[in-house]
């Protein structure tokens, strides 16, 4: 890769928004357990996602997180909202699947606990 290309890619900032729930059930993969053929399978309860949630907007570049912000309750996220952030807003496909996977199965009491650093 040419030096100009490296510089170009290092200048890219991307971001997206994600809902962070007070509780988001584990995926089947996360909750799987190994059992022998003679051991009865464990009973699994089906849990529902919590209605308590907050939206996180995060921007990052090749070095890591550039800016993160929780959207105030009842605030509409639209072009005007993003203009106020003064950051390049392209969809991010790398960070959020990993972040959502880490949040699955965790319990939070309220929105302020979700938003703790």
PDB file of N, CA and C in Angstrom:
ATOM      1  N   UNK A   1       0.853  -1.178   0.000  1.00  0.00           N
ATOM      2  CA  UNK A   1       0.000   0.000   0.000  1.00  0.00           C
ATOM      3  C   UNK A   1       0.896   1.239   0.000  1.00  0.00           C
ATOM      4  N   UNK A   2       0.573   2.193  -0.832  1.00  0.00           N
ATOM      5  CA  UNK A   2       1.356   3.423  -0.922  1.00  0.00           C
ATOM      6  C   UNK A   2       1.170   4.272   0.328  1.00  0.00           C
ATOM      7  N   UNK A   3       2.163   5.113   0.625  1.00  0.00           N
ATOM      8  CA  UNK A   3       2.092   5.973   1.808  1.00  0.00           C
ATOM      9  C   UNK A   3       0.878   6.891   1.768  1.00  0.00           C
ATOM     10  N   UNK A   4       0.533   7.374   0.576  1.00  0.00           N
ATOM     11  CA  UNK A   4      -0.640   8.259   0.445  1.00  0.00           C
ATOM     12  C   UNK A   4      -1.913   7.514   0.828  1.00  0.00           C
ATOM     13  N   UNK A   5      -2.002   6.228   0.455  1.00  0.00           N
ATOM     14  CA  UNK A   5      -3.175   5.428   0.810  1.00  0.00           C
ATOM     15  C   UNK A   5      -3.250   5.215   2.316  1.00  0.00           C
ATOM     16  N   UNK A   6      -2.109   4.952   2.952  1.00  0.00           N
ATOM     17  CA  UNK A   6      -2.076   4.767   4.404  1.00  0.00           C
ATOM     18  C   UNK A   6      -2.557   6.028   5.114  1.00  0.00           C
ATOM     19  N   UNK A   7      -2.080   7.167   4.649  1.00  0.00           N
ATOM     20  CA  UNK A   7      -2.491   8.442   5.248  1.00  0.00           C
ATOM     21  C   UNK A   7      -3.986   8.649   5.059  1.00  0.00           C
ATOM     22  N   UNK A   8      -4.492   8.350   3.853  1.00  0.00           N
ATOM     23  CA  UNK A   8      -5.920   8.501   3.575  1.00  0.00           C
ATOM     24  C   UNK A   8      -6.755   7.649   4.527  1.00  0.00           C
ATOM     25  N   UNK A   9      -6.419   6.364   4.668  1.00  0.00           N
ATOM     26  CA  UNK A   9      -7.196   5.469   5.526  1.00  0.00           C
ATOM     27  C   UNK A   9      -7.079   5.846   7.002  1.00  0.00           C
ATOM     28  N   UNK A  10      -5.967   6.407   7.408  1.00  0.00           N
ATOM     29  CA  UNK A  10      -5.807   6.851   8.803  1.00  0.00           C
ATOM     30  C   UNK A  10      -6.649   8.077   9.122  1.00  0.00           C
ATOM     31  N   UNK A  11      -7.110   8.787   8.101  1.00  0.00           N
ATOM     32  CA  UNK A  11      -7.914   9.994   8.299  1.00  0.00           C
ATOM     33  C   UNK A  11      -9.410   9.714   8.345  1.00  0.00           C
ATOM     34  N   UNK A  12      -9.824   8.485   8.061  1.00  0.00           N
ATOM     35  CA  UNK A  12     -11.249   8.153   8.007  1.00  0.00           C
ATOM     36  C   UNK A  12     -11.807   7.990   9.410  1.00  0.00           C
ATOM     37  N   UNK A  13     -12.920   8.655   9.664  1.00  0.00           N
ATOM     38  CA  UNK A  13     -13.663   8.486  10.911  1.00  0.00           C
ATOM     39  C   UNK A  13     -15.026   7.920  10.540  1.00  0.00           C
ATOM     40  N   UNK A  14     -15.420   6.880  11.220  1.00  0.00           N
ATOM     41  CA  UNK A  14     -16.723   6.263  10.961  1.00  0.00           C
ATOM     42  C   UNK A  14     -17.482   6.152  12.276  1.00  0.00           C
ATOM     43  N   UNK A  15     -18.771   5.986  12.195  1.00  0.00           N
ATOM     44  CA  UNK A  15     -19.565   5.894  13.414  1.00  0.00           C
ATOM     45  C   UNK A  15     -20.949   5.361  13.138  1.00  0.00           C
ATOM     46  N   UNK A  16     -21.647   5.097  14.210  1.00  0.00           N
ATOM     47  CA  UNK A  16     -23.003   4.583  14.102  1.00  0.00           C
ATOM     48  C   UNK A  16     -23.646   4.695  15.477  1.00  0.00           C
ATOM     49  N   UNK A  17     -24.910   4.319  15.536  1.00  0.00           N
ATOM     50  CA  UNK A  17     -25.612   4.312  16.823  1.00  0.00           C
ATOM     51  C   UNK A  17     -26.067   2.901  17.147  1.00  0.00           C
ATOM     52  N   UNK A  18     -26.224   2.634  18.449  1.00  0.00           N
ATOM     53  CA  UNK A  18     -26.619   1.317  18.924  1.00  0.00           C
ATOM     54  C   UNK A  18     -27.483   1.477  20.172  1.00  0.00           C
ATOM     55  N   UNK A  19     -28.524   0.655  20.285  1.00  0.00           N
ATOM     56  CA  UNK A  19     -29.327   0.643  21.506  1.00  0.00           C
ATOM     57  C   UNK A  19     -28.598  -0.205  22.546  1.00  0.00           C
ATOM     58  N   UNK A  20     -28.464   0.300  23.753  1.00  0.00           N
ATOM     59  CA  UNK A  20     -27.895  -0.438  24.883  1.00  0.00           C
ATOM     60  C   UNK A  20     -29.038  -0.675  25.867  1.00  0.00           C
ATOM     61  N   UNK A  21     -29.370  -1.943  26.093  1.00  0.00           N
ATOM     62  CA  UNK A  21     -30.507  -2.312  26.937  1.00  0.00           C
ATOM     63  C   UNK A  21     -30.055  -2.613  28.359  1.00  0.00           C
ATOM     64  N   UNK A  22     -30.949  -2.388  29.328  1.00  0.00           N
ATOM     65  CA  UNK A  22     -30.661  -2.751  30.710  1.00  0.00           C
ATOM     66  C   UNK A  22     -30.443  -4.259  30.803  1.00  0.00           C
ATOM     67  N   UNK A  23     -31.126  -5.030  29.956  1.00  0.00           N
ATOM     68  CA  UNK A  23     -30.857  -6.461  29.836  1.00  0.00           C
ATOM     69  C   UNK A  23     -31.178  -6.907  28.418  1.00  0.00           C
ATOM     70  N   UNK A  24     -30.226  -7.550  27.784  1.00  0.00           N
ATOM     71  CA  UNK A  24     -30.406  -8.116  26.455  1.00  0.00           C
ATOM     72  C   UNK A  24     -29.982  -9.578  26.566  1.00  0.00           C
ATOM     73  N   UNK A  25     -30.912 -10.516  26.387  1.00  0.00           N
ATOM     74  CA  UNK A  25     -30.596 -11.924  26.621  1.00  0.00           C
ATOM     75  C   UNK A  25     -29.391 -12.413  25.811  1.00  0.00           C
ATOM     76  N   UNK A  26     -28.710 -13.405  26.366  1.00  0.00           N
ATOM     77  CA  UNK A  26     -27.589 -14.015  25.669  1.00  0.00           C
ATOM     78  C   UNK A  26     -28.069 -14.681  24.385  1.00  0.00           C
ATOM     79  N   UNK A  27     -27.175 -14.778  23.421  1.00  0.00           N
ATOM     80  CA  UNK A  27     -27.486 -15.523  22.202  1.00  0.00           C
ATOM     81  C   UNK A  27     -27.415 -17.013  22.516  1.00  0.00           C
ATOM     82  N   UNK A  28     -27.931 -17.831  21.612  1.00  0.00           N
ATOM     83  CA  UNK A  28     -27.846 -19.286  21.805  1.00  0.00           C
ATOM     84  C   UNK A  28     -26.395 -19.721  21.929  1.00  0.00           C
ATOM     85  N   UNK A  29     -25.552 -19.119  21.141  1.00  0.00           N
ATOM     86  CA  UNK A  29     -24.126 -19.461  21.160  1.00  0.00           C
ATOM     87  C   UNK A  29     -23.497 -19.131  22.513  1.00  0.00           C
ATOM     88  N   UNK A  30     -23.833 -17.973  23.076  1.00  0.00           N
ATOM     89  CA  UNK A  30     -23.273 -17.573  24.363  1.00  0.00           C
ATOM     90  C   UNK A  30     -23.754 -18.469  25.499  1.00  0.00           C
ATOM     91  N   UNK A  31     -24.989 -18.925  25.432  1.00  0.00           N
ATOM     92  CA  UNK A  31     -25.557 -19.681  26.540  1.00  0.00           C
ATOM     93  C   UNK A  31     -25.392 -21.193  26.373  1.00  0.00           C
ATOM     94  N   UNK A  32     -24.707 -21.618  25.314  1.00  0.00           N
ATOM     95  CA  UNK A  32     -24.552 -23.055  25.100  1.00  0.00           C
ATOM     96  C   UNK A  32     -23.642 -23.671  26.165  1.00  0.00           C
ATOM     97  N   UNK A  33     -23.937 -24.900  26.509  1.00  0.00           N
ATOM     98  CA  UNK A  33     -23.161 -25.629  27.505  1.00  0.00           C
ATOM     99  C   UNK A  33     -22.829 -27.000  26.950  1.00  0.00           C
ATOM    100  N   UNK A  34     -21.630 -27.488  27.260  1.00  0.00           N
ATOM    101  CA  UNK A  34     -21.258 -28.823  26.835  1.00  0.00           C
ATOM    102  C   UNK A  34     -21.778 -29.815  27.858  1.00  0.00           C
ATOM    103  N   UNK A  35     -22.433 -30.848  27.373  1.00  0.00           N
ATOM    104  CA  UNK A  35     -22.903 -31.924  28.250  1.00  0.00           C
ATOM    105  C   UNK A  35     -22.572 -33.257  27.585  1.00  0.00           C
ATOM    106  N   UNK A  36     -22.358 -34.265  28.404  1.00  0.00           N
ATOM    107  CA  UNK A  36     -22.076 -35.589  27.842  1.00  0.00           C
ATOM    108  C   UNK A  36     -23.378 -36.213  27.355  1.00  0.00           C
ATOM    109  N   UNK A  37     -23.241 -37.324  26.671  1.00  0.00           N
ATOM    110  CA  UNK A  37     -24.426 -37.987  26.116  1.00  0.00           C
ATOM    111  C   UNK A  37     -25.365 -38.491  27.200  1.00  0.00           C
ATOM    112  N   UNK A  38     -24.839 -38.819  28.383  1.00  0.00           N
ATOM    113  CA  UNK A  38     -25.666 -39.359  29.463  1.00  0.00           C
ATOM    114  C   UNK A  38     -26.250 -38.278  30.361  1.00  0.00           C
ATOM    115  N   UNK A  39     -25.723 -37.072  30.259  1.00  0.00           N
ATOM    116  CA  UNK A  39     -26.211 -35.973  31.090  1.00  0.00           C
ATOM    117  C   UNK A  39     -27.456 -35.363  30.465  1.00  0.00           C
ATOM    118  N   UNK A  40     -28.508 -35.153  31.257  1.00  0.00           N
ATOM    119  CA  UNK A  40     -29.702 -34.503  30.682  1.00  0.00           C
ATOM    120  C   UNK A  40     -29.387 -33.054  30.301  1.00  0.00           C
ATOM    121  N   UNK A  41     -30.013 -32.614  29.242  1.00  0.00           N
ATOM    122  CA  UNK A  41     -29.800 -31.222  28.791  1.00  0.00           C
ATOM    123  C   UNK A  41     -30.395 -30.256  29.816  1.00  0.00           C
ATOM    124  N   UNK A  42     -29.699 -29.141  30.072  1.00  0.00           N
ATOM    125  CA  UNK A  42     -30.241 -28.173  31.019  1.00  0.00           C
ATOM    126  C   UNK A  42     -31.472 -27.472  30.441  1.00  0.00           C
ATOM    127  N   UNK A  43     -32.415 -27.149  31.321  1.00  0.00           N
ATOM    128  CA  UNK A  43     -33.611 -26.424  30.883  1.00  0.00           C
ATOM    129  C   UNK A  43     -33.226 -24.959  30.696  1.00  0.00           C
ATOM    130  N   UNK A  44     -33.709 -24.384  29.610  1.00  0.00           N
ATOM    131  CA  UNK A  44     -33.409 -22.987  29.297  1.00  0.00           C
ATOM    132  C   UNK A  44     -34.687 -22.171  29.385  1.00  0.00           C
ATOM    133  N   UNK A  45     -34.596 -21.060  30.073  1.00  0.00           N
ATOM    134  CA  UNK A  45     -35.724 -20.134  30.140  1.00  0.00           C
ATOM    135  C   UNK A  45     -35.569 -19.100  29.043  1.00  0.00           C
ATOM    136  N   UNK A  46     -36.674 -18.661  28.507  1.00  0.00           N
ATOM    137  CA  UNK A  46     -36.627 -17.622  27.482  1.00  0.00           C
ATOM    138  C   UNK A  46     -36.829 -16.272  28.157  1.00  0.00           C
ATOM    139  N   UNK A  47     -35.845 -15.406  28.023  1.00  0.00           N
ATOM    140  CA  UNK A  47     -35.909 -14.083  28.624  1.00  0.00           C
ATOM    141  C   UNK A  47     -36.208 -13.034  27.562  1.00  0.00           C
ATOM    142  N   UNK A  48     -36.844 -11.965  27.984  1.00  0.00           N
ATOM    143  CA  UNK A  48     -37.172 -10.859  27.090  1.00  0.00           C
ATOM    144  C   UNK A  48     -36.184  -9.715  27.305  1.00  0.00           C
ATOM    145  N   UNK A  49     -35.954  -8.972  26.258  1.00  0.00           N
ATOM    146  CA  UNK A  49     -35.138  -7.774  26.319  1.00  0.00           C
ATOM    147  C   UNK A  49     -35.813  -6.754  27.234  1.00  0.00           C
ATOM    148  N   UNK A  50     -35.029  -6.014  27.994  1.00  0.00           N
ATOM    149  CA  UNK A  50     -35.560  -5.006  28.905  1.00  0.00           C
ATOM    150  C   UNK A  50     -36.114  -3.802  28.142  1.00  0.00           C
ATOM    151  N   UNK A  51     -37.190  -3.194  28.641  1.00  0.00           N
ATOM    152  CA  UNK A  51     -37.682  -1.964  28.009  1.00  0.00           C
ATOM    153  C   UNK A  51     -36.799  -0.753  28.346  1.00  0.00           C
ATOM    154  N   UNK A  52     -35.936  -0.886  29.348  1.00  0.00           N
ATOM    155  CA  UNK A  52     -35.020   0.203  29.717  1.00  0.00           C
ATOM    156  C   UNK A  52     -33.853   0.179  28.738  1.00  0.00           C
ATOM    157  N   UNK A  53     -33.650   1.299  28.039  1.00  0.00           N
ATOM    158  CA  UNK A  53     -32.584   1.350  27.049  1.00  0.00           C
ATOM    159  C   UNK A  53     -32.103   2.783  26.860  1.00  0.00           C
ATOM    160  N   UNK A  54     -30.924   2.901  26.281  1.00  0.00           N
ATOM    161  CA  UNK A  54     -30.357   4.195  25.940  1.00  0.00           C
ATOM    162  C   UNK A  54     -29.586   4.038  24.636  1.00  0.00           C
ATOM    163  N   UNK A  55     -29.535   5.091  23.840  1.00  0.00           N
ATOM    164  CA  UNK A  55     -28.833   5.005  22.564  1.00  0.00           C
ATOM    165  C   UNK A  55     -27.430   5.590  22.703  1.00  0.00           C
ATOM    166  N   UNK A  56     -26.448   4.826  22.223  1.00  0.00           N
ATOM    167  CA  UNK A  56     -25.052   5.254  22.206  1.00  0.00           C
ATOM    168  C   UNK A  56     -24.663   5.568  20.777  1.00  0.00           C
ATOM    169  N   UNK A  57     -24.060   6.740  20.592  1.00  0.00           N
ATOM    170  CA  UNK A  57     -23.485   7.098  19.298  1.00  0.00           C
ATOM    171  C   UNK A  57     -21.982   7.139  19.509  1.00  0.00           C
ATOM    172  N   UNK A  58     -21.254   6.467  18.636  1.00  0.00           N
ATOM    173  CA  UNK A  58     -19.806   6.377  18.804  1.00  0.00           C
ATOM    174  C   UNK A  58     -19.115   6.544  17.458  1.00  0.00           C
ATOM    175  N   UNK A  59     -17.994   7.252  17.466  1.00  0.00           N
ATOM    176  CA  UNK A  59     -17.189   7.475  16.276  1.00  0.00           C
ATOM    177  C   UNK A  59     -15.788   6.965  16.548  1.00  0.00           C
ATOM    178  N   UNK A  60     -15.186   6.333  15.543  1.00  0.00           N
ATOM    179  CA  UNK A  60     -13.835   5.837  15.725  1.00  0.00           C
ATOM    180  C   UNK A  60     -13.062   5.902  14.420  1.00  0.00           C
ATOM    181  N   UNK A  61     -11.738   5.886  14.565  1.00  0.00           N
ATOM    182  CA  UNK A  61     -10.857   5.874  13.406  1.00  0.00           C
ATOM    183  C   UNK A  61      -9.901   4.693  13.545  1.00  0.00           C
ATOM    184  N   UNK A  62      -8.833   4.685  12.780  1.00  0.00           N
ATOM    185  CA  UNK A  62      -7.902   3.553  12.805  1.00  0.00           C
ATOM    186  C   UNK A  62      -7.185   3.415  14.147  1.00  0.00           C
ATOM    187  N   UNK A  63      -7.194   4.463  14.962  1.00  0.00           N
ATOM    188  CA  UNK A  63      -6.519   4.431  16.266  1.00  0.00           C
ATOM    189  C   UNK A  63      -7.450   4.051  17.418  1.00  0.00           C
ATOM    190  N   UNK A  64      -8.762   4.120  17.199  1.00  0.00           N
ATOM    191  CA  UNK A  64      -9.718   3.780  18.254  1.00  0.00           C
ATOM    192  C   UNK A  64     -10.854   4.780  18.327  1.00  0.00           C
ATOM    193  N   UNK A  65     -11.491   4.859  19.499  1.00  0.00           N
ATOM    194  CA  UNK A  65     -12.664   5.721  19.695  1.00  0.00           C
ATOM    195  C   UNK A  65     -12.248   7.186  19.679  1.00  0.00           C
ATOM    196  N   UNK A  66     -12.948   7.979  18.866  1.00  0.00           N
ATOM    197  CA  UNK A  66     -12.700   9.413  18.745  1.00  0.00           C
ATOM    198  C   UNK A  66     -13.696  10.194  19.599  1.00  0.00           C
ATOM    199  N   UNK A  67     -14.956   9.749  19.580  1.00  0.00           N
ATOM    200  CA  UNK A  67     -16.016  10.451  20.311  1.00  0.00           C
ATOM    201  C   UNK A  67     -17.130   9.463  20.613  1.00  0.00           C
ATOM    202  N   UNK A  68     -17.690   9.544  21.812  1.00  0.00           N
ATOM    203  CA  UNK A  68     -18.865   8.739  22.147  1.00  0.00           C
ATOM    204  C   UNK A  68     -19.831   9.627  22.909  1.00  0.00           C
ATOM    205  N   UNK A  69     -21.098   9.343  22.711  1.00  0.00           N
ATOM    206  CA  UNK A  69     -22.122  10.186  23.325  1.00  0.00           C
ATOM    207  C   UNK A  69     -23.418   9.397  23.462  1.00  0.00           C
ATOM    208  N   UNK A  70     -24.036   9.477  24.640  1.00  0.00           N
ATOM    209  CA  UNK A  70     -25.357   8.885  24.820  1.00  0.00           C
ATOM    210  C   UNK A  70     -26.394   9.932  24.452  1.00  0.00           C
ATOM    211  N   UNK A  71     -27.384   9.516  23.677  1.00  0.00           N
ATOM    212  CA  UNK A  71     -28.433  10.428  23.223  1.00  0.00           C
ATOM    213  C   UNK A  71     -29.377  10.692  24.391  1.00  0.00           C
ATOM    214  N   UNK A  72     -29.677  11.974  24.672  1.00  0.00           N
ATOM    215  CA  UNK A  72     -30.633  12.280  25.745  1.00  0.00           C
ATOM    216  C   UNK A  72     -31.992  11.644  25.461  1.00  0.00           C
ATOM    217  N   UNK A  73     -32.699  11.280  26.525  1.00  0.00           N
ATOM    218  CA  UNK A  73     -34.016  10.662  26.369  1.00  0.00           C
ATOM    219  C   UNK A  73     -34.937  11.535  25.536  1.00  0.00           C
ATOM    220  N   UNK A  74     -35.728  10.887  24.696  1.00  0.00           N
ATOM    221  CA  UNK A  74     -36.720  11.523  23.839  1.00  0.00           C
ATOM    222  C   UNK A  74     -36.134  12.472  22.790  1.00  0.00           C
ATOM    223  N   UNK A  75     -34.827  12.400  22.569  1.00  0.00           N
ATOM    224  CA  UNK A  75     -34.177  13.217  21.540  1.00  0.00           C
ATOM    225  C   UNK A  75     -34.238  12.459  20.218  1.00  0.00           C
ATOM    226  N   UNK A  76     -34.593  13.133  19.146  1.00  0.00           N
ATOM    227  CA  UNK A  76     -34.676  12.512  17.835  1.00  0.00           C
ATOM    228  C   UNK A  76     -33.300  12.592  17.173  1.00  0.00           C
ATOM    229  N   UNK A  77     -32.810  11.448  16.711  1.00  0.00           N
ATOM    230  CA  UNK A  77     -31.523  11.400  16.026  1.00  0.00           C
ATOM    231  C   UNK A  77     -31.795  11.526  14.531  1.00  0.00           C
ATOM    232  N   UNK A  78     -31.425  12.670  13.993  1.00  0.00           N
ATOM    233  CA  UNK A  78     -31.619  12.943  12.565  1.00  0.00           C
ATOM    234  C   UNK A  78     -30.413  13.744  12.073  1.00  0.00           C
ATOM    235  N   UNK A  79     -30.502  14.275  10.874  1.00  0.00           N
ATOM    236  CA  UNK A  79     -29.391  15.038  10.295  1.00  0.00           C
ATOM    237  C   UNK A  79     -29.016  16.227  11.175  1.00  0.00           C
ATOM    238  N   UNK A  80     -29.999  16.909  11.722  1.00  0.00           N
ATOM    239  CA  UNK A  80     -29.722  18.068  12.579  1.00  0.00           C
ATOM    240  C   UNK A  80     -28.950  17.663  13.834  1.00  0.00           C
ATOM    241  N   UNK A  81     -29.310  16.525  14.405  1.00  0.00           N
ATOM    242  CA  UNK A  81     -28.598  16.026  15.585  1.00  0.00           C
ATOM    243  C   UNK A  81     -27.133  15.766  15.241  1.00  0.00           C
ATOM    244  N   UNK A  82     -26.886  15.078  14.119  1.00  0.00           N
ATOM    245  CA  UNK A  82     -25.519  14.768  13.716  1.00  0.00           C
ATOM    246  C   UNK A  82     -24.722  16.019  13.377  1.00  0.00           C
ATOM    247  N   UNK A  83     -25.365  17.010  12.772  1.00  0.00           N
ATOM    248  CA  UNK A  83     -24.671  18.263  12.465  1.00  0.00           C
ATOM    249  C   UNK A  83     -24.139  18.906  13.739  1.00  0.00           C
ATOM    250  N   UNK A  84     -24.891  18.780  14.809  1.00  0.00           N
ATOM    251  CA  UNK A  84     -24.463  19.336  16.087  1.00  0.00           C
ATOM    252  C   UNK A  84     -23.260  18.628  16.677  1.00  0.00           C
ATOM    253  N   UNK A  85     -23.003  17.398  16.264  1.00  0.00           N
ATOM    254  CA  UNK A  85     -21.856  16.639  16.773  1.00  0.00           C
ATOM    255  C   UNK A  85     -20.548  17.040  16.097  1.00  0.00           C
ATOM    256  N   UNK A  86     -20.615  17.570  14.899  1.00  0.00           N
ATOM    257  CA  UNK A  86     -19.445  18.007  14.139  1.00  0.00           C
ATOM    258  C   UNK A  86     -18.440  16.876  13.918  1.00  0.00           C
ATOM    259  N   UNK A  87     -18.914  15.687  13.514  1.00  0.00           N
ATOM    260  CA  UNK A  87     -18.053  14.549  13.182  1.00  0.00           C
ATOM    261  C   UNK A  87     -18.553  13.905  11.903  1.00  0.00           C
ATOM    262  N   UNK A  88     -17.655  13.261  11.084  1.00  0.00           N
ATOM    263  CA  UNK A  88     -18.040  12.489   9.894  1.00  0.00           C
ATOM    264  C   UNK A  88     -18.855  11.295  10.310  1.00  0.00           C
ATOM    265  N   UNK A  89     -20.060  11.095   9.733  1.00  0.00           N
ATOM    266  CA  UNK A  89     -20.981  10.047  10.169  1.00  0.00           C
ATOM    267  C   UNK A  89     -21.228   9.033   9.059  1.00  0.00           C
ATOM    268  N   UNK A  90     -20.374   8.031   8.950  1.00  0.00           N
ATOM    269  CA  UNK A  90     -20.577   6.934   8.007  1.00  0.00           C
ATOM    270  C   UNK A  90     -20.933   5.695   8.806  1.00  0.00           C
ATOM    271  N   UNK A  91     -21.688   4.752   8.230  1.00  0.00           N
ATOM    272  CA  UNK A  91     -22.074   3.564   8.999  1.00  0.00           C
ATOM    273  C   UNK A  91     -20.866   2.717   9.365  1.00  0.00           C
ATOM    274  N   UNK A  92     -20.839   2.214  10.598  1.00  0.00           N
ATOM    275  CA  UNK A  92     -19.756   1.348  11.050  1.00  0.00           C
ATOM    276  C   UNK A  92     -20.250  -0.075  11.166  1.00  0.00           C
ATOM    277  N   UNK A  93     -19.549  -0.993  10.560  1.00  0.00           N
ATOM    278  CA  UNK A  93     -19.977  -2.381  10.587  1.00  0.00           C
ATOM    279  C   UNK A  93     -19.041  -3.261  11.416  1.00  0.00           C
ATOM    280  N   UNK A  94     -17.972  -2.688  11.923  1.00  0.00           N
ATOM    281  CA  UNK A  94     -16.976  -3.459  12.648  1.00  0.00           C
ATOM    282  C   UNK A  94     -17.235  -3.481  14.152  1.00  0.00           C
ATOM    283  N   UNK A  95     -17.498  -2.323  14.727  1.00  0.00           N
ATOM    284  CA  UNK A  95     -17.554  -2.181  16.180  1.00  0.00           C
ATOM    285  C   UNK A  95     -18.838  -2.717  16.795  1.00  0.00           C
ATOM    286  N   UNK A  96     -19.993  -2.406  16.223  1.00  0.00           N
ATOM    287  CA  UNK A  96     -21.254  -2.684  16.902  1.00  0.00           C
ATOM    288  C   UNK A  96     -21.599  -4.153  17.073  1.00  0.00           C
ATOM    289  N   UNK A  97     -21.319  -5.020  16.113  1.00  0.00           N
ATOM    290  CA  UNK A  97     -21.583  -6.435  16.395  1.00  0.00           C
ATOM    291  C   UNK A  97     -20.782  -6.932  17.602  1.00  0.00           C
ATOM    292  N   UNK A  98     -19.526  -6.484  17.723  1.00  0.00           N
ATOM    293  CA  UNK A  98     -18.700  -6.888  18.871  1.00  0.00           C
ATOM    294  C   UNK A  98     -19.231  -6.293  20.163  1.00  0.00           C
ATOM    295  N   UNK A  99     -19.648  -5.030  20.121  1.00  0.00           N
ATOM    296  CA  UNK A  99     -20.191  -4.374  21.316  1.00  0.00           C
ATOM    297  C   UNK A  99     -21.491  -5.037  21.751  1.00  0.00           C
ATOM    298  N   UNK A 100     -22.390  -5.301  20.811  1.00  0.00           N
ATOM    299  CA  UNK A 100     -23.659  -5.964  21.144  1.00  0.00           C
ATOM    300  C   UNK A 100     -23.410  -7.335  21.747  1.00  0.00           C
ATOM    301  N   UNK A 101     -22.444  -8.076  21.206  1.00  0.00           N
ATOM    302  CA  UNK A 101     -22.127  -9.413  21.706  1.00  0.00           C
ATOM    303  C   UNK A 101     -21.669  -9.340  23.163  1.00  0.00           C
ATOM    304  N   UNK A 102     -20.855  -8.340  23.507  1.00  0.00           N
ATOM    305  CA  UNK A 102     -20.367  -8.175  24.886  1.00  0.00           C
ATOM    306  C   UNK A 102     -21.491  -7.806  25.846  1.00  0.00           C
ATOM    307  N   UNK A 103     -22.504  -7.074  25.374  1.00  0.00           N
ATOM    308  CA  UNK A 103     -23.603  -6.630  26.236  1.00  0.00           C
ATOM    309  C   UNK A 103     -24.648  -7.713  26.484  1.00  0.00           C
ATOM    310  N   UNK A 104     -24.695  -8.715  25.617  1.00  0.00           N
ATOM    311  CA  UNK A 104     -25.685  -9.787  25.758  1.00  0.00           C
ATOM    312  C   UNK A 104     -25.502 -10.498  27.089  1.00  0.00           C
ATOM    313  N   UNK A 105     -26.605 -10.709  27.802  1.00  0.00           N
ATOM    314  CA  UNK A 105     -26.579 -11.450  29.064  1.00  0.00           C
ATOM    315  C   UNK A 105     -26.231 -10.626  30.281  1.00  0.00           C
ATOM    316  N   UNK A 106     -25.872  -9.353  30.113  1.00  0.00           N
ATOM    317  CA  UNK A 106     -25.561  -8.492  31.258  1.00  0.00           C
ATOM    318  C   UNK A 106     -26.833  -7.841  31.786  1.00  0.00           C
ATOM    319  N   UNK A 107     -26.898  -7.612  33.102  1.00  0.00           N
ATOM    320  CA  UNK A 107     -28.049  -6.955  33.721  1.00  0.00           C
ATOM    321  C   UNK A 107     -27.625  -5.577  34.230  1.00  0.00           C
ATOM    322  N   UNK A 108     -28.441  -4.569  33.969  1.00  0.00           N
ATOM    323  CA  UNK A 108     -28.222  -3.221  34.484  1.00  0.00           C
ATOM    324  C   UNK A 108     -29.492  -2.775  35.194  1.00  0.00           C
ATOM    325  N   UNK A 109     -29.351  -1.982  36.237  1.00  0.00           N
ATOM    326  CA  UNK A 109     -30.499  -1.530  37.011  1.00  0.00           C
ATOM    327  C   UNK A 109     -31.269  -0.450  36.277  1.00  0.00           C
ATOM    328  N   UNK A 110     -30.549   0.494  35.678  1.00  0.00           N
ATOM    329  CA  UNK A 110     -31.204   1.605  35.005  1.00  0.00           C
ATOM    330  C   UNK A 110     -30.274   2.182  33.921  1.00  0.00           C
ATOM    331  N   UNK A 111     -30.746   3.232  33.255  1.00  0.00           N
ATOM    332  CA  UNK A 111     -29.992   3.839  32.157  1.00  0.00           C
ATOM    333  C   UNK A 111     -28.645   4.389  32.644  1.00  0.00           C
ATOM    334  N   UNK A 112     -28.609   4.999  33.816  1.00  0.00           N
ATOM    335  CA  UNK A 112     -27.355   5.574  34.298  1.00  0.00           C
ATOM    336  C   UNK A 112     -26.292   4.484  34.488  1.00  0.00           C
ATOM    337  N   UNK A 113     -26.693   3.280  34.862  1.00  0.00           N
ATOM    338  CA  UNK A 113     -25.720   2.189  35.017  1.00  0.00           C
ATOM    339  C   UNK A 113     -25.207   1.721  33.653  1.00  0.00           C
ATOM    340  N   UNK A 114     -26.077   1.726  32.650  1.00  0.00           N
ATOM    341  CA  UNK A 114     -25.653   1.358  31.297  1.00  0.00           C
ATOM    342  C   UNK A 114     -24.611   2.348  30.804  1.00  0.00           C
ATOM    343  N   UNK A 115     -24.788   3.615  31.149  1.00  0.00           N
ATOM    344  CA  UNK A 115     -23.935   4.684  30.624  1.00  0.00           C
ATOM    345  C   UNK A 115     -22.640   4.870  31.397  1.00  0.00           C
ATOM    346  N   UNK A 116     -22.419   4.111  32.459  1.00  0.00           N
ATOM    347  CA  UNK A 116     -21.165   4.231  33.215  1.00  0.00           C
ATOM    348  C   UNK A 116     -19.998   3.866  32.302  1.00  0.00           C
ATOM    349  N   UNK A 117     -18.883   4.606  32.419  1.00  0.00           N
ATOM    350  CA  UNK A 117     -17.714   4.306  31.560  1.00  0.00           C
ATOM    351  C   UNK A 117     -17.139   2.937  31.852  1.00  0.00           C
TER     352      UNK A 117
END
